[in-house]
C-alpha atoms as a PDB file:
ATOM      1  CA  MET A   1       9.047 -25.132  14.512  1.00  0.00           C
ATOM      2  CA  ASN A   2      11.483 -22.722  15.584  1.00  0.00           C
ATOM      3  CA  LEU A   3       9.267 -20.188  17.846  1.00  0.00           C
ATOM      4  CA  THR A   4      12.106 -17.382  18.264  1.00  0.00           C
ATOM      5  CA  ALA A   5      12.652 -17.303  14.343  1.00  0.00           C
ATOM      6  CA  THR A   6      13.235 -13.926  12.685  1.00  0.00           C
ATOM      7  CA  LEU A   7      10.755 -12.404  10.229  1.00  0.00           C
ATOM      8  CA  ARG A   8      11.648 -10.190   8.067  1.00  0.00           C
ATOM      9  CA  HIS A   9       9.946  -8.771   4.870  1.00  0.00           C
ATOM     10  CA  ARG A  10      10.833  -7.932   1.242  1.00  0.00           C
ATOM     11  CA  LEU A  11       9.564  -6.881  -1.693  1.00  0.00           C
ATOM     12  CA  ALA A  12       8.590  -9.919  -3.826  1.00  0.00           C
ATOM     13  CA  GLN A  13      10.137 -10.642  -7.087  1.00  0.00           C
ATOM     14  CA  THR A  14       9.149 -12.534 -10.591  1.00  0.00           C
ATOM     15  CA  GLU A  15      11.140 -15.375  -9.931  1.00  0.00           C
ATOM     16  CA  ASP A  16       9.649 -15.469  -6.309  1.00  0.00           C
ATOM     17  CA  ILE A  17       6.097 -17.146  -8.158  1.00  0.00           C
ATOM     18  CA  PRO A  18       7.058 -20.404  -7.838  1.00  0.00           C
ATOM     19  CA  ALA A  19       8.125 -19.926  -4.000  1.00  0.00           C
ATOM     20  CA  ILE A  20       4.673 -17.534  -4.339  1.00  0.00           C
ATOM     21  CA  GLU A  21       2.210 -20.570  -6.099  1.00  0.00           C
ATOM     22  CA  GLU A  22       3.040 -23.181  -3.453  1.00  0.00           C
ATOM     23  CA  LEU A  23       3.126 -20.992  -0.570  1.00  0.00           C
ATOM     24  CA  MET A  24      -0.632 -19.998  -1.886  1.00  0.00           C
ATOM     25  CA  ARG A  25      -1.373 -23.525  -2.287  1.00  0.00           C
ATOM     26  CA  LEU A  26      -1.155 -24.969   0.925  1.00  0.00           C
ATOM     27  CA  ALA A  27      -2.842 -21.706   2.718  1.00  0.00           C
ATOM     28  CA  ILE A  28      -5.279 -22.849   0.257  1.00  0.00           C
ATOM     29  CA  ALA A  29      -5.102 -26.050   1.097  1.00  0.00           C
ATOM     30  CA  GLU A  30      -5.170 -26.131   4.577  1.00  0.00           C
ATOM     31  CA  ASN A  31      -5.909 -22.581   6.641  1.00  0.00           C
ATOM     32  CA  MET A  32      -9.866 -22.786   5.191  1.00  0.00           C
ATOM     33  CA  LYS A  33     -10.419 -26.643   6.207  1.00  0.00           C
ATOM     34  CA  PRO A  34     -12.295 -24.936   8.890  1.00  0.00           C
ATOM     35  CA  PHE A  35     -14.501 -22.699   7.532  1.00  0.00           C
ATOM     36  CA  LEU A  36     -15.440 -24.761   4.379  1.00  0.00           C
ATOM     37  CA  GLY A  37     -15.438 -28.138   2.713  1.00  0.00           C
ATOM     38  CA  PRO A  38     -13.798 -29.646  -0.017  1.00  0.00           C
ATOM     39  CA  GLU A  39     -15.511 -28.304  -2.350  1.00  0.00           C
ATOM     40  CA  GLU A  40     -15.931 -24.959  -1.401  1.00  0.00           C
ATOM     41  CA  ILE A  41     -12.556 -24.384  -1.606  1.00  0.00           C
ATOM     42  CA  GLU A  42     -12.067 -25.496  -5.014  1.00  0.00           C
ATOM     43  CA  ALA A  43     -14.246 -22.798  -6.209  1.00  0.00           C
ATOM     44  CA  ALA A  44     -12.545 -21.083  -4.037  1.00  0.00           C
ATOM     45  CA  LYS A  45      -8.765 -21.329  -6.004  1.00  0.00           C
ATOM     46  CA  GLU A  46     -10.884 -19.560  -9.522  1.00  0.00           C
ATOM     47  CA  THR A  47     -10.900 -16.502  -7.407  1.00  0.00           C
ATOM     48  CA  MET A  48      -7.666 -16.332  -5.551  1.00  0.00           C
ATOM     49  CA  GLY A  49      -3.502 -16.656  -6.953  1.00  0.00           C
ATOM     50  CA  VAL A  50      -0.771 -14.911  -7.604  1.00  0.00           C
ATOM     51  CA  ASP A  51      -1.649 -11.930  -9.408  1.00  0.00           C
ATOM     52  CA  GLN A  52       1.713 -10.269 -11.436  1.00  0.00           C
ATOM     53  CA  THR A  53       0.518  -6.762 -11.432  1.00  0.00           C
ATOM     54  CA  LEU A  54       1.357  -6.420  -8.067  1.00  0.00           C
ATOM     55  CA  ILE A  55       4.375  -7.663  -7.791  1.00  0.00           C
ATOM     56  CA  GLU A  56       5.396  -5.453 -11.385  1.00  0.00           C
ATOM     57  CA  ASP A  57       4.107  -2.191  -9.486  1.00  0.00           C
ATOM     58  CA  GLN A  58       5.732  -3.768  -6.068  1.00  0.00           C
ATOM     59  CA  THR A  59       3.416  -3.347  -3.955  1.00  0.00           C
ATOM     60  CA  TYR A  60       3.444  -7.234  -2.565  1.00  0.00           C
ATOM     61  CA  PHE A  61       5.343  -8.196   0.045  1.00  0.00           C
ATOM     62  CA  VAL A  62       6.888 -11.400   0.784  1.00  0.00           C
ATOM     63  CA  ILE A  63       7.561 -12.108   4.898  1.00  0.00           C
ATOM     64  CA  GLU A  64      10.357 -14.518   5.322  1.00  0.00           C
ATOM     65  CA  ALA A  65      11.247 -16.559   8.452  1.00  0.00           C
ATOM     66  CA  ARG A  66      14.818 -17.277   9.542  1.00  0.00           C
ATOM     67  CA  THR A  67      14.895 -20.514  10.756  1.00  0.00           C
ATOM     68  CA  ASP A  68      17.835 -23.022  12.757  1.00  0.00           C
ATOM     69  CA  ALA A  69      17.579 -25.238   8.985  1.00  0.00           C
ATOM     70  CA  GLY A  70      17.706 -21.743   7.070  1.00  0.00           C
ATOM     71  CA  THR A  71      15.304 -19.181   5.986  1.00  0.00           C
ATOM     72  CA  VAL A  72      11.622 -19.160   4.505  1.00  0.00           C
ATOM     73  CA  MET A  73       8.940 -17.788   3.156  1.00  0.00           C
ATOM     74  CA  VAL A  74       6.287 -18.185   5.822  1.00  0.00           C
ATOM     75  CA  GLY A  75       3.595 -15.250   4.188  1.00  0.00           C
ATOM     76  CA  CYS A  76       3.348 -13.574   1.092  1.00  0.00           C
ATOM     77  CA  GLY A  77       0.437 -10.531   0.689  1.00  0.00           C
ATOM     78  CA  GLY A  78       0.460  -6.641  -0.345  1.00  0.00           C
ATOM     79  CA  TRP A  79      -1.701  -3.747  -1.511  1.00  0.00           C
ATOM     80  CA  GLY A  80      -3.132  -2.743  -4.906  1.00  0.00           C
ATOM     81  CA  LYS A  81      -3.219   0.546  -6.299  1.00  0.00           C
ATOM     82  CA  ARG A  82      -5.098  -1.032  -8.993  1.00  0.00           C
ATOM     83  CA  LYS A  83      -9.109  -1.139  -9.966  1.00  0.00           C
ATOM     84  CA  THR A  84      -8.953  -5.967  -9.113  1.00  0.00           C
ATOM     85  CA  LEU A  85     -10.521  -5.976  -5.757  1.00  0.00           C
ATOM     86  CA  TYR A  86      -8.850  -9.827  -6.164  1.00  0.00           C
ATOM     87  CA  GLY A  87      -7.990 -12.381  -7.576  1.00  0.00           C
ATOM     88  CA  GLY A  88      -5.116 -13.923  -9.839  1.00  0.00           C
ATOM     89  CA  ASN A  89      -3.773 -13.565 -13.746  1.00  0.00           C
ATOM     90  CA  HIS A  90      -6.726 -16.271 -14.356  1.00  0.00           C
ATOM     91  CA  THR A  91      -9.479 -14.606 -12.783  1.00  0.00           C
ATOM     92  CA  VAL A  92     -12.218 -13.444 -15.022  1.00  0.00           C
ATOM     93  CA  GLY A  93     -13.718  -9.819 -14.889  1.00  0.00           C
ATOM     94  CA  ARG A  94     -10.163  -8.102 -13.913  1.00  0.00           C
ATOM     95  CA  ASP A  95     -10.247  -4.421 -14.078  1.00  0.00           C
ATOM     96  CA  ASP A  96      -5.822  -3.297 -14.349  1.00  0.00           C
ATOM     97  CA  SER A  97      -6.946   0.196 -14.754  1.00  0.00           C
ATOM     98  CA  LEU A  98      -4.903   3.044 -12.158  1.00  0.00           C
ATOM     99  CA  SER A  99      -6.575   3.659  -9.479  1.00  0.00           C
ATOM    100  CA  ASP A 100      -6.497   7.557  -8.352  1.00  0.00           C
ATOM    101  CA  PRO A 101      -5.715   8.273  -4.730  1.00  0.00           C
ATOM    102  CA  THR A 102      -8.047  11.114  -4.497  1.00  0.00           C
ATOM    103  CA  VAL A 103     -11.517   9.427  -5.296  1.00  0.00           C
ATOM    104  CA  ASP A 104     -10.910   5.501  -5.405  1.00  0.00           C
ATOM    105  CA  ALA A 105      -9.987   2.917  -2.401  1.00  0.00           C
ATOM    106  CA  ALA A 106      -6.323   1.050  -2.542  1.00  0.00           C
ATOM    107  CA  ARG A 107      -6.756  -2.748  -2.318  1.00  0.00           C
ATOM    108  CA  ILE A 108      -5.166  -5.477  -0.158  1.00  0.00           C
ATOM    109  CA  ARG A 109      -4.306  -8.239  -2.273  1.00  0.00           C
ATOM    110  CA  ALA A 110      -3.880 -11.841  -1.580  1.00  0.00           C
ATOM    111  CA  MET A 111      -3.041 -12.370   1.722  1.00  0.00           C
ATOM    112  CA  TYR A 112      -1.458 -15.733   2.646  1.00  0.00           C
ATOM    113  CA  THR A 113      -0.188 -17.776   5.057  1.00  0.00           C
ATOM    114  CA  HIS A 114       2.242 -20.841   5.431  1.00  0.00           C
ATOM    115  CA  PRO A 115      -0.028 -22.865   7.725  1.00  0.00           C
ATOM    116  CA  ASP A 116       2.887 -23.742   9.991  1.00  0.00           C
ATOM    117  CA  TRP A 117       3.449 -20.477  10.726  1.00  0.00           C
ATOM    118  CA  SER A 118      -0.592 -19.484  11.297  1.00  0.00           C
ATOM    119  CA  ARG A 119      -1.909 -16.593  14.315  1.00  0.00           C
ATOM    120  CA  ARG A 120       2.525 -15.447  14.434  1.00  0.00           C
ATOM    121  CA  GLY A 121       1.527 -12.491  12.693  1.00  0.00           C
ATOM    122  CA  ILE A 122       2.061 -12.814   9.714  1.00  0.00           C
ATOM    123  CA  GLY A 123      -1.194 -12.024   8.590  1.00  0.00           C
ATOM    124  CA  THR A 124      -0.885  -8.678  10.587  1.00  0.00           C
ATOM    125  CA  LEU A 125       2.802  -7.063   9.588  1.00  0.00           C
ATOM    126  CA  LEU A 126       1.533  -7.906   6.157  1.00  0.00           C
ATOM    127  CA  LEU A 127      -1.676  -5.942   6.519  1.00  0.00           C
ATOM    128  CA  GLU A 128       0.525  -2.953   8.118  1.00  0.00           C
ATOM    129  CA  LEU A 129       2.410  -2.716   5.521  1.00  0.00           C
ATOM    130  CA  GLY A 130       0.389  -2.797   3.520  1.00  0.00           C
ATOM    131  CA  GLU A 131      -2.156  -0.080   4.996  1.00  0.00           C
ATOM    132  CA  ALA A 132       1.338   2.152   5.365  1.00  0.00           C
ATOM    133  CA  ALA A 133       2.368   1.867   1.898  1.00  0.00           C
ATOM    134  CA  ALA A 134      -1.461   2.844   0.942  1.00  0.00           C
ATOM    135  CA  ARG A 135      -1.778   5.690   2.990  1.00  0.00           C
ATOM    136  CA  GLU A 136       2.231   6.593   2.130  1.00  0.00           C
ATOM    137  CA  ALA A 137       0.884   6.691  -1.658  1.00  0.00           C
ATOM    138  CA  GLY A 138      -1.580   8.652  -0.988  1.00  0.00           C
ATOM    139  CA  PHE A 139      -5.012   6.407  -0.411  1.00  0.00           C
ATOM    140  CA  LYS A 140      -7.470   7.471   1.614  1.00  0.00           C
ATOM    141  CA  THR A 141      -9.561   4.505   2.859  1.00  0.00           C
ATOM    142  CA  ILE A 142      -8.615   0.837   1.363  1.00  0.00           C
ATOM    143  CA  GLU A 143     -10.652  -2.197  -0.122  1.00  0.00           C
ATOM    144  CA  LEU A 144     -10.353  -5.755  -0.181  1.00  0.00           C
ATOM    145  CA  GLY A 145     -12.360  -8.770  -1.295  1.00  0.00           C
ATOM    146  CA  SER A 146     -12.108 -10.986   1.436  1.00  0.00           C
ATOM    147  CA  THR A 147     -12.773 -14.572   1.832  1.00  0.00           C
ATOM    148  CA  ILE A 148     -15.340 -16.894   4.359  1.00  0.00           C
ATOM    149  CA  PRO A 149     -11.835 -17.462   6.639  1.00  0.00           C
ATOM    150  CA  GLY A 150     -10.930 -14.489   5.742  1.00  0.00           C
ATOM    151  CA  GLU A 151     -13.262 -12.081   7.584  1.00  0.00           C
ATOM    152  CA  PRO A 152     -12.903 -13.288  11.571  1.00  0.00           C
ATOM    153  CA  PHE A 153      -9.463 -11.290  10.724  1.00  0.00           C
ATOM    154  CA  TYR A 154     -10.420  -8.662   8.620  1.00  0.00           C
ATOM    155  CA  LEU A 155     -13.947  -7.905  11.051  1.00  0.00           C
ATOM    156  CA  ALA A 156     -10.665  -7.790  14.051  1.00  0.00           C
ATOM    157  CA  ARG A 157      -8.257  -5.596  12.545  1.00  0.00           C
ATOM    158  CA  GLY A 158     -11.082  -2.669  11.674  1.00  0.00           C
ATOM    159  CA  PHE A 159     -12.463  -3.280   8.502  1.00  0.00           C
ATOM    160  CA  VAL A 160     -16.173  -3.351   7.977  1.00  0.00           C
ATOM    161  CA  GLU A 161     -18.664  -5.656   5.388  1.00  0.00           C
ATOM    162  CA  LEU A 162     -19.562  -3.025   2.350  1.00  0.00           C
ATOM    163  CA  SER A 163     -20.998  -6.405  -0.319  1.00  0.00           C
ATOM    164  CA  ARG A 164     -20.963  -9.942  -0.695  1.00  0.00           C
ATOM    165  CA  VAL A 165     -21.695 -12.081  -3.427  1.00  0.00           C
ATOM    166  CA  THR A 166     -21.587 -15.816  -4.243  1.00  0.00           C
ATOM    167  CA  HIS A 167     -20.089 -16.735  -7.315  1.00  0.00           C
ATOM    168  CA  THR A 168     -20.556 -20.333  -7.977  1.00  0.00           C
ATOM    169  CA  GLY A 169     -17.367 -22.305  -9.149  1.00  0.00           C
ATOM    170  CA  ARG A 170     -17.231 -24.698 -12.231  1.00  0.00           C
ATOM    171  CA  ASN A 171     -17.656 -27.409  -9.828  1.00  0.00           C
ATOM    172  CA  GLY A 172     -21.527 -26.278  -8.492  1.00  0.00           C
ATOM    173  CA  ALA A 173     -19.579 -24.740  -5.421  1.00  0.00           C
ATOM    174  CA  PRO A 174     -20.118 -21.566  -3.738  1.00  0.00           C
ATOM    175  CA  ASN A 175     -17.779 -19.148  -3.121  1.00  0.00           C
ATOM    176  CA  VAL A 176     -18.143 -15.819  -1.329  1.00  0.00           C
ATOM    177  CA  VAL A 177     -16.629 -12.709  -1.831  1.00  0.00           C
ATOM    178  CA  ILE A 178     -17.656 -10.327   1.110  1.00  0.00           C
ATOM    179  CA  LYS A 179     -15.992  -6.777   0.285  1.00  0.00           C
ATOM    180  CA  MET A 180     -15.064  -4.958   3.231  1.00  0.00           C
ATOM    181  CA  THR A 181     -13.471  -1.252   3.448  1.00  0.00           C
ATOM    182  CA  LYS A 182     -11.673   0.670   6.345  1.00  0.00           C
ATOM    183  CA  GLY A 183     -10.455   4.273   6.012  1.00  0.00           C
ATOM    184  CA  LEU A 184      -6.393   4.713   6.749  1.00  0.00           C
END
């Protein structure tokens, strides 16, 4: 892997969805292993995945790296101006109504890094892009629904826990979602 790869970001497009889904699949399968067992990872999939409203709202980013082998997608994530805190198109309990920046928080949503590109600043770049765009849209605070593996990353970037809830997956395993917030 070329460590001098050049990163660039762009807004995700509908035609990116298959590549985003593959990146998410790899990230969930590999990046969660140090924190969760196989059953817990399977349960977590029920609250993770592509949310097309983020792409349609043009609030979802793709991070690409230019390497000797060509351009590869190494990360994806963004922010939401809707009330849904987390989850993909399939997640139960969504609220896709628009948030009011004067009273509601924006959302950091669906952040994933390719396992081969972990710990290279991709998550930080995605978070900074989302926070800057939400700030520019008039939001004063931002919230997210973190997994157990994501919690240390968000704590290190100034988020604080508001609450946590444990869902029970279809397989009976627990899936913890931590609601976190940060001022913009």
